[in-house]
Amino acid sequence: MKAFVFPGQGAQFVGMGKDLYDNNPVAHDMFEKANEILGFRITDLMFNGTDEDLRQTKVTQPAIFLHSVILAKTLENEMTPDMVAGHSLGEFSALVASGALTFEDGLKLVSARAQAMQKACELKPSTMAAVLALPDEKVEEICAGVDGVVVCANYNCPGQIVISGEEPAIDAACELLLAAGAKRALKLKVGGAFHSPCMEPARAELAKAIEATPVHTPSCPVYQNVDAKPHTDPAEIKANLVAQLTAPVRWTQTVQNMVADGADEFIEIGPGKVLQGLISKIARGVALAGKQ
């Protein structure tokens, strides 16, 4: 069975999507529609901007979403998925690719999400850190013992977790994690503490936008980050999307569940190859491919 997976923030690169824009009339029209919806020419930043331009959350998230979703649209006649999933932001791409959200509604939600997250990031100093080579349970135990907000945010693959929270708590946790035997506990260059309680103001703001947006029954199951389980019920999909901002991304468990349900070929659609790397460590032996 074929699974489409969609990357999240961090996969962006200058020039992403330009070949599609130049060579595919459907893609060209979708990019221009996106410029219109967003109220600025995001294509200029994607194709000819700087790394700094693309690192702004309000640009990064719509840019990755657009590349992924438009690419999936151009592949429709070539292949269709039996199941889909996306890492964090990528969940919105997965929902559009499966027909649960329209392209226009998906883009509006991603833009609203990015702006709400940007605002939440500015309220207090917060960050994220990658932790390598410690069991999940050990990382959870150490985070639970630190004063302040610090939680496991991304279960990326066995031996790789990202923690998220207030800067002093992240610093304290990193020291303890290294002392406990972590190979690395490295702070990331991100705007703030995504997938943690620090995103509560953004979650509350985004909840209103999600509630007002029609969600349809998808053409195949969507494995959502919050519980790593397949969903087709629009009400459940909405609730999980709202919860996603402050809850961890259970990517390891998602891939394991997709394999258990029959996935034997994973195709990463969008910029970069991050998910292929993670999946190769979670489910050895499955077929991996990428479409950029």
Protein backbone atom coordinates (compact mmCIF):
# COMPACT_ATOMS: atom_id res chain seq x y z
CA MET A 1 0.00 0.00 0.00
CA LYS A 2 1.16 3.50 -0.87
CA ALA A 3 1.52 6.23 1.78
CA PHE A 4 2.05 9.90 0.92
CA VAL A 5 3.91 11.86 3.62
CA PHE A 6 4.40 15.62 3.75
CA PRO A 7 7.25 17.54 5.43
CA GLY A 8 7.02 20.31 8.01
CA GLN A 9 8.93 23.47 8.86
CA GLY A 10 12.67 23.33 8.23
CA ALA A 11 12.50 21.63 4.82
CA GLN A 12 12.38 24.91 2.86
CA PHE A 13 15.02 26.03 0.35
CA VAL A 14 15.36 28.96 -2.03
CA GLY A 15 14.05 28.02 -5.49
CA MET A 16 11.49 25.52 -4.17
CA GLY A 17 8.60 25.07 -6.59
CA LYS A 18 10.08 27.16 -9.43
CA ASP A 19 10.22 24.26 -11.91
CA LEU A 20 6.55 23.55 -11.22
CA TYR A 21 5.61 27.21 -11.69
CA ASP A 22 7.55 27.51 -14.95
CA ASN A 23 6.58 24.20 -16.55
CA ASN A 24 3.13 23.19 -15.35
CA PRO A 25 0.10 25.37 -16.17
CA VAL A 26 -2.00 23.94 -13.30
CA ALA A 27 0.80 24.60 -10.83
CA HIS A 28 1.33 28.11 -12.23
CA ASP A 29 -2.34 28.97 -11.70
CA MET A 30 -2.33 27.55 -8.15
CA PHE A 31 0.76 29.58 -7.20
CA GLU A 32 -0.83 32.75 -8.58
CA LYS A 33 -4.04 32.00 -6.69
CA ALA A 34 -1.93 31.66 -3.53
CA ASN A 35 -0.32 35.07 -4.13
CA GLU A 36 -3.81 36.51 -4.38
CA ILE A 37 -5.11 34.79 -1.21
CA LEU A 38 -2.04 35.73 0.87
CA GLY A 39 -1.95 39.34 -0.32
CA PHE A 40 1.75 39.24 -1.18
CA ARG A 41 3.84 37.47 -3.82
CA ILE A 42 5.10 34.50 -1.84
CA THR A 43 6.41 33.08 -5.13
CA ASP A 44 9.03 35.89 -5.29
CA LEU A 45 10.33 34.85 -1.86
CA MET A 46 10.21 31.12 -2.64
CA PHE A 47 11.97 31.38 -5.99
CA ASN A 48 14.34 34.33 -5.53
CA GLY A 49 14.35 35.27 -1.83
CA THR A 50 17.06 34.69 0.77
CA ASP A 51 17.34 31.95 3.38
CA GLU A 52 16.46 34.65 5.91
CA ASP A 53 13.24 35.50 4.03
CA LEU A 54 12.21 31.85 4.01
CA ARG A 55 12.95 31.41 7.73
CA GLN A 56 10.15 33.79 8.76
CA THR A 57 7.36 31.59 10.11
CA LYS A 58 4.69 33.56 8.20
CA VAL A 59 6.56 32.73 4.96
CA THR A 60 8.01 29.30 5.76
CA GLN A 61 4.74 27.56 6.56
CA PRO A 62 2.72 28.69 3.51
CA ALA A 63 5.77 28.13 1.26
CA ILE A 64 6.26 24.49 2.30
CA PHE A 65 2.51 23.87 2.20
CA LEU A 66 2.27 25.30 -1.33
CA HIS A 67 5.20 23.30 -2.67
CA SER A 68 3.81 20.07 -1.19
CA VAL A 69 0.17 20.53 -2.14
CA ILE A 70 0.78 21.80 -5.67
CA LEU A 71 3.24 18.96 -6.30
CA ALA A 72 0.66 16.43 -5.05
CA LYS A 73 -1.92 17.96 -7.40
CA THR A 74 0.38 17.48 -10.41
CA LEU A 75 0.85 13.81 -9.47
CA GLU A 76 -2.88 12.99 -9.31
CA ASN A 77 -3.00 11.25 -12.69
CA GLU A 78 0.20 9.34 -11.96
CA MET A 79 -0.51 7.92 -8.49
CA THR A 80 -2.98 8.05 -5.60
CA PRO A 81 -2.30 7.27 -1.94
CA ASP A 82 -3.95 4.61 0.22
CA MET A 83 -3.15 6.68 3.32
CA VAL A 84 -1.54 10.04 4.12
CA ALA A 85 0.25 11.79 6.99
CA GLY A 86 2.23 14.98 7.50
CA HIS A 87 4.80 16.11 10.06
CA SER A 88 3.39 19.09 12.01
CA LEU A 89 2.63 21.70 9.31
CA GLY A 90 2.67 18.81 6.81
CA GLU A 91 -0.60 17.54 8.28
CA PHE A 92 -2.39 20.42 6.51
CA SER A 93 -0.78 19.36 3.20
CA ALA A 94 -1.95 15.79 3.85
CA LEU A 95 -5.51 16.99 4.48
CA VAL A 96 -5.60 18.91 1.19
CA ALA A 97 -4.06 16.02 -0.75
CA SER A 98 -6.75 13.69 0.62
CA GLY A 99 -9.59 16.11 -0.14
CA ALA A 100 -10.47 16.84 3.50
CA LEU A 101 -9.61 20.53 2.96
CA THR A 102 -9.81 22.57 -0.23
CA PHE A 103 -6.59 24.17 -1.47
CA GLU A 104 -7.90 27.65 -0.67
CA ASP A 105 -9.13 26.77 2.83
CA GLY A 106 -5.94 24.88 3.60
CA LEU A 107 -3.79 27.86 2.60
CA LYS A 108 -5.89 30.28 4.65
CA LEU A 109 -5.58 28.02 7.72
CA VAL A 110 -1.83 27.59 7.28
CA SER A 111 -1.39 31.35 6.98
CA ALA A 112 -3.53 31.94 10.09
CA ARG A 113 -1.58 29.23 11.95
CA ALA A 114 1.78 30.76 11.02
CA GLN A 115 0.74 34.23 12.14
CA ALA A 116 -0.78 32.96 15.40
CA MET A 117 2.39 30.98 16.16
CA GLN A 118 4.59 34.00 15.37
CA LYS A 119 2.60 36.08 17.88
CA ALA A 120 2.81 33.37 20.54
CA CYS A 121 6.59 33.14 20.01
CA GLU A 122 6.94 36.85 20.74
CA LEU A 123 5.22 36.64 24.13
CA LYS A 124 8.14 35.01 25.96
CA PRO A 125 11.60 33.65 25.13
CA SER A 126 11.15 30.03 24.13
CA THR A 127 12.92 27.51 21.91
CA MET A 128 13.40 23.85 20.98
CA ALA A 129 16.33 21.41 21.19
CA ALA A 130 17.17 18.13 19.46
CA VAL A 131 18.11 15.23 21.73
CA LEU A 132 19.98 12.25 20.29
CA ALA A 133 20.60 8.72 21.56
CA LEU A 134 18.43 8.56 24.68
CA PRO A 135 15.27 6.44 25.11
CA ASP A 136 12.00 8.37 24.87
CA GLU A 137 11.10 7.47 28.45
CA LYS A 138 14.36 8.90 29.80
CA VAL A 139 13.86 12.20 27.97
CA GLU A 140 10.28 12.41 29.27
CA GLU A 141 11.42 11.68 32.83
CA ILE A 142 14.13 14.37 32.77
CA CYS A 143 11.82 17.00 31.25
CA ALA A 144 9.20 16.26 33.92
CA GLY A 145 11.73 17.04 36.66
CA VAL A 146 12.78 20.46 35.32
CA ASP A 147 11.25 23.68 36.67
CA GLY A 148 9.36 25.66 34.05
CA VAL A 149 7.82 24.56 30.75
CA VAL A 150 9.76 21.87 28.86
CA VAL A 151 8.11 18.94 27.08
CA CYS A 152 8.78 16.36 24.37
CA ALA A 153 7.50 17.97 21.18
CA ASN A 154 8.56 15.70 18.29
CA TYR A 155 9.03 11.94 18.50
CA ASN A 156 10.91 11.87 15.20
CA CYS A 157 12.43 8.38 15.21
CA PRO A 158 13.98 6.02 17.76
CA GLY A 159 16.81 7.91 19.46
CA GLN A 160 15.76 11.33 18.15
CA ILE A 161 13.40 13.56 20.12
CA VAL A 162 12.90 17.32 19.99
CA ILE A 163 12.06 19.05 23.27
CA SER A 164 10.27 22.39 23.45
CA GLY A 165 9.64 25.06 26.08
CA GLU A 166 10.83 28.16 27.89
CA GLU A 167 14.49 28.99 27.26
CA PRO A 168 15.76 28.61 30.87
CA ALA A 169 13.96 25.26 31.18
CA ILE A 170 15.39 24.06 27.84
CA ASP A 171 18.91 25.04 28.96
CA ALA A 172 18.50 23.16 32.25
CA ALA A 173 17.05 20.10 30.51
CA CYS A 174 19.88 20.01 27.94
CA GLU A 175 22.49 19.91 30.73
CA LEU A 176 20.68 17.06 32.47
CA LEU A 177 20.15 15.14 29.23
CA LEU A 178 23.85 15.32 28.34
CA ALA A 179 24.74 14.19 31.85
CA ALA A 180 22.34 11.25 31.40
CA GLY A 181 24.21 10.11 28.29
CA ALA A 182 22.60 11.92 25.37
CA LYS A 183 24.98 12.11 22.40
CA ARG A 184 23.69 15.61 21.70
CA ALA A 185 21.24 18.08 23.19
CA LEU A 186 21.39 20.93 20.73
CA LYS A 187 19.24 24.06 20.65
CA LEU A 188 17.58 24.64 17.28
CA LYS A 189 17.28 27.86 15.30
CA VAL A 190 13.51 28.17 15.53
CA GLY A 191 11.13 31.01 16.30
CA GLY A 192 9.82 29.51 19.52
CA ALA A 193 8.51 26.52 21.43
CA PHE A 194 6.25 24.77 18.92
CA HIS A 195 4.10 21.84 20.09
CA SER A 196 4.31 22.91 23.75
CA PRO A 197 2.06 24.73 26.24
CA CYS A 198 3.82 27.96 25.11
CA MET A 199 1.64 27.75 21.98
CA GLU A 200 -1.62 27.96 23.95
CA PRO A 201 -2.40 31.54 22.74
CA ALA A 202 -1.94 30.36 19.14
CA ARG A 203 -4.09 27.27 19.74
CA ALA A 204 -6.96 29.39 21.06
CA GLU A 205 -6.70 31.74 18.08
CA LEU A 206 -6.44 28.98 15.49
CA ALA A 207 -9.34 27.03 17.00
CA LYS A 208 -11.77 29.75 15.83
CA ALA A 209 -10.43 29.58 12.25
CA ILE A 210 -10.57 25.77 12.17
CA GLU A 211 -14.11 25.69 13.55
CA ALA A 212 -15.23 28.08 10.80
CA THR A 213 -13.61 26.00 8.03
CA PRO A 214 -15.46 23.14 6.28
CA VAL A 215 -13.68 19.79 6.61
CA HIS A 216 -14.83 16.99 4.29
CA THR A 217 -14.48 13.21 4.53
CA PRO A 218 -11.04 12.44 3.06
CA SER A 219 -10.54 10.00 0.17
CA CYS A 220 -8.24 7.88 2.37
CA PRO A 221 -7.31 7.73 6.08
CA VAL A 222 -5.28 10.65 7.46
CA TYR A 223 -2.90 9.63 10.26
CA GLN A 224 -2.82 12.63 12.57
CA ASN A 225 0.08 13.81 14.75
CA VAL A 226 -1.80 14.01 18.04
CA ASP A 227 -2.62 10.29 18.42
CA ALA A 228 -0.80 8.73 15.41
CA LYS A 229 -4.08 7.06 14.38
CA PRO A 230 -6.05 7.06 11.11
CA HIS A 231 -8.99 9.45 10.88
CA THR A 232 -11.74 10.02 8.33
CA ASP A 233 -14.38 11.72 10.51
CA PRO A 234 -14.39 15.50 9.86
CA ALA A 235 -15.24 16.37 13.48
CA GLU A 236 -12.32 14.27 14.78
CA ILE A 237 -9.97 15.75 12.18
CA LYS A 238 -10.89 19.28 13.32
CA ALA A 239 -10.43 18.51 17.01
CA ASN A 240 -7.03 16.92 16.35
CA LEU A 241 -5.89 19.89 14.25
CA VAL A 242 -6.68 22.26 17.11
CA ALA A 243 -4.94 20.04 19.68
CA GLN A 244 -1.86 19.66 17.44
CA LEU A 245 -0.38 23.08 18.26
CA THR A 246 0.24 22.30 21.93
CA ALA A 247 0.61 18.51 21.68
CA PRO A 248 3.60 16.45 20.52
CA VAL A 249 4.10 15.20 16.96
CA ARG A 250 4.07 11.40 17.32
CA TRP A 251 5.89 10.67 14.07
CA THR A 252 7.57 7.44 15.17
CA GLN A 253 4.22 6.00 16.26
CA THR A 254 2.47 7.32 13.12
CA VAL A 255 4.85 5.51 10.77
CA GLN A 256 4.70 2.33 12.87
CA ASN A 257 0.88 2.39 12.71
CA MET A 258 0.88 3.01 8.94
CA VAL A 259 3.19 0.02 8.42
CA ALA A 260 1.02 -2.14 10.70
CA ASP A 261 -1.98 -1.13 8.57
CA GLY A 262 -0.27 -2.23 5.34
CA ALA A 263 1.93 0.65 4.13
CA ASP A 264 4.98 -0.74 2.32
CA GLU A 265 5.86 2.28 0.16
CA PHE A 266 6.32 5.81 1.51
CA ILE A 267 6.53 8.76 -0.90
CA GLU A 268 7.65 12.10 0.55
CA ILE A 269 6.01 14.95 -1.35
CA GLY A 270 7.50 18.41 -0.92
CA PRO A 271 10.87 20.00 -0.23
CA GLY A 272 13.76 18.02 1.22
CA LYS A 273 14.23 14.40 2.26
CA VAL A 274 13.93 14.69 6.04
CA LEU A 275 10.99 12.30 6.38
CA GLN A 276 12.62 9.62 4.22
CA GLY A 277 15.57 9.69 6.61
CA LEU A 278 13.34 9.35 9.66
CA ILE A 279 11.18 6.60 8.14
CA SER A 280 14.28 4.57 7.23
CA LYS A 281 15.12 4.47 10.95
CA ILE A 282 11.55 3.67 12.07
CA ALA A 283 10.58 1.02 9.52
CA ARG A 284 13.57 -0.67 7.95
CA GLY A 285 12.82 -2.38 4.67
CA VAL A 286 9.92 -0.27 3.40
CA ALA A 287 10.27 1.33 -0.03
CA LEU A 288 11.10 5.05 0.10
CA ALA A 289 10.85 7.70 -2.62
CA GLY A 290 10.63 11.47 -2.84
CA LYS A 291 8.96 13.94 -5.18
CA GLN A 292 10.39 17.45 -5.18
